[in-house]
Amino acid sequence: MSGSLYTYPSDLTWQDMRFPPAIIDALAKKGIQRPTPIQIQAIPAALTGRDVIGIAFTGSGKTMVRTGGILGLCHLDAKEQ
């Protein structure tokens, strides 16, 4: 993706973004095998604590960016304790 201050490989997976195995399994059970382009761009930025503004079509996975980022931060925080 061009024009972005932060770009990530378009083939990033949930594992690459360090999602916990239990969440990856739950996503797979819902048929969500790979992150969408908006998720690939926004989740890693959100996990670093940056503010994210995402503009994408309805159904593209923007809500998952918010919840995925929150779950990811909780998981990383729990691992540190």
Protein backbone atom coordinates (compact mmCIF):
# COMPACT_ATOMS: atom_id res chain seq x y z
CA MET A 1 0.00 0.00 0.00
CA SER A 2 1.52 3.29 -1.01
CA GLY A 3 1.14 6.70 0.50
CA SER A 4 1.14 5.36 4.05
CA LEU A 5 3.68 6.35 6.66
CA TYR A 6 3.69 2.77 7.93
CA THR A 7 3.33 -0.11 5.51
CA TYR A 8 3.19 -3.81 6.22
CA PRO A 9 3.57 -6.83 3.95
CA SER A 10 0.29 -7.71 2.26
CA ASP A 11 0.71 -11.38 3.20
CA LEU A 12 0.79 -10.82 6.98
CA THR A 13 -1.06 -13.52 8.95
CA TRP A 14 -2.70 -13.58 12.37
CA GLN A 15 0.36 -15.47 13.61
CA ASP A 16 2.66 -12.77 12.23
CA MET A 17 0.68 -10.22 14.24
CA ARG A 18 1.21 -12.39 17.36
CA PHE A 19 -2.45 -13.16 17.97
CA PRO A 20 -2.90 -15.81 20.67
CA PRO A 21 -3.58 -19.33 19.32
CA ALA A 22 -7.01 -19.42 21.00
CA ILE A 23 -8.11 -16.30 19.12
CA ILE A 24 -6.69 -17.61 15.83
CA ASP A 25 -8.62 -20.86 16.36
CA ALA A 26 -11.83 -18.94 17.11
CA LEU A 27 -11.37 -16.83 13.98
CA ALA A 28 -10.80 -19.98 11.90
CA LYS A 29 -14.00 -21.52 13.25
CA LYS A 30 -15.84 -18.42 12.00
CA GLY A 31 -14.21 -18.82 8.58
CA ILE A 32 -11.79 -15.93 9.04
CA GLN A 33 -8.51 -17.38 7.79
CA ARG A 34 -6.53 -14.25 6.91
CA PRO A 35 -6.66 -10.57 7.90
CA THR A 36 -8.11 -8.12 5.41
CA PRO A 37 -6.01 -5.27 3.96
CA ILE A 38 -7.35 -2.75 6.50
CA GLN A 39 -6.54 -5.18 9.32
CA ILE A 40 -3.02 -5.78 7.98
CA GLN A 41 -2.37 -2.04 7.95
CA ALA A 42 -4.12 -1.01 11.16
CA ILE A 43 -3.65 -3.79 13.73
CA PRO A 44 0.18 -3.66 13.89
CA ALA A 45 0.04 0.13 14.22
CA ALA A 46 -2.61 -0.11 16.96
CA LEU A 47 -0.56 -2.70 18.83
CA THR A 48 2.33 -0.23 19.02
CA GLY A 49 0.00 2.24 20.74
CA ARG A 50 -0.41 4.54 17.76
CA ASP A 51 -3.71 6.22 16.95
CA VAL A 52 -5.29 4.74 13.85
CA ILE A 53 -7.78 6.22 11.41
CA GLY A 54 -9.03 3.66 8.92
CA ILE A 55 -11.19 4.34 5.90
CA ALA A 56 -12.53 1.26 4.17
CA PHE A 57 -15.73 -0.20 2.77
CA THR A 58 -18.45 -1.67 4.98
CA GLY A 59 -17.63 -5.29 5.77
CA SER A 60 -13.89 -4.83 5.30
CA GLY A 61 -12.97 -5.62 8.91
CA LYS A 62 -12.63 -2.23 10.58
CA THR A 63 -14.44 -3.34 13.76
CA MET A 64 -12.07 -6.29 14.03
CA VAL A 65 -9.20 -3.79 14.03
CA ARG A 66 -10.55 -2.23 17.23
CA THR A 67 -11.39 -5.47 19.00
CA GLY A 68 -8.36 -7.30 17.65
CA GLY A 69 -6.09 -4.52 18.81
CA ILE A 70 -7.63 -4.54 22.27
CA LEU A 71 -7.33 -8.33 22.56
CA GLY A 72 -3.77 -8.21 21.29
CA LEU A 73 -2.77 -5.55 23.80
CA CYS A 74 -4.40 -7.52 26.63
CA HIS A 75 -2.52 -10.64 25.56
CA LEU A 76 0.83 -8.82 25.37
CA ASP A 77 0.17 -7.16 28.73
CA ALA A 78 -0.66 -10.52 30.35
CA LYS A 79 2.55 -12.07 28.98
CA GLU A 80 4.62 -9.30 30.58
CA GLN A 81 3.18 -9.95 34.06
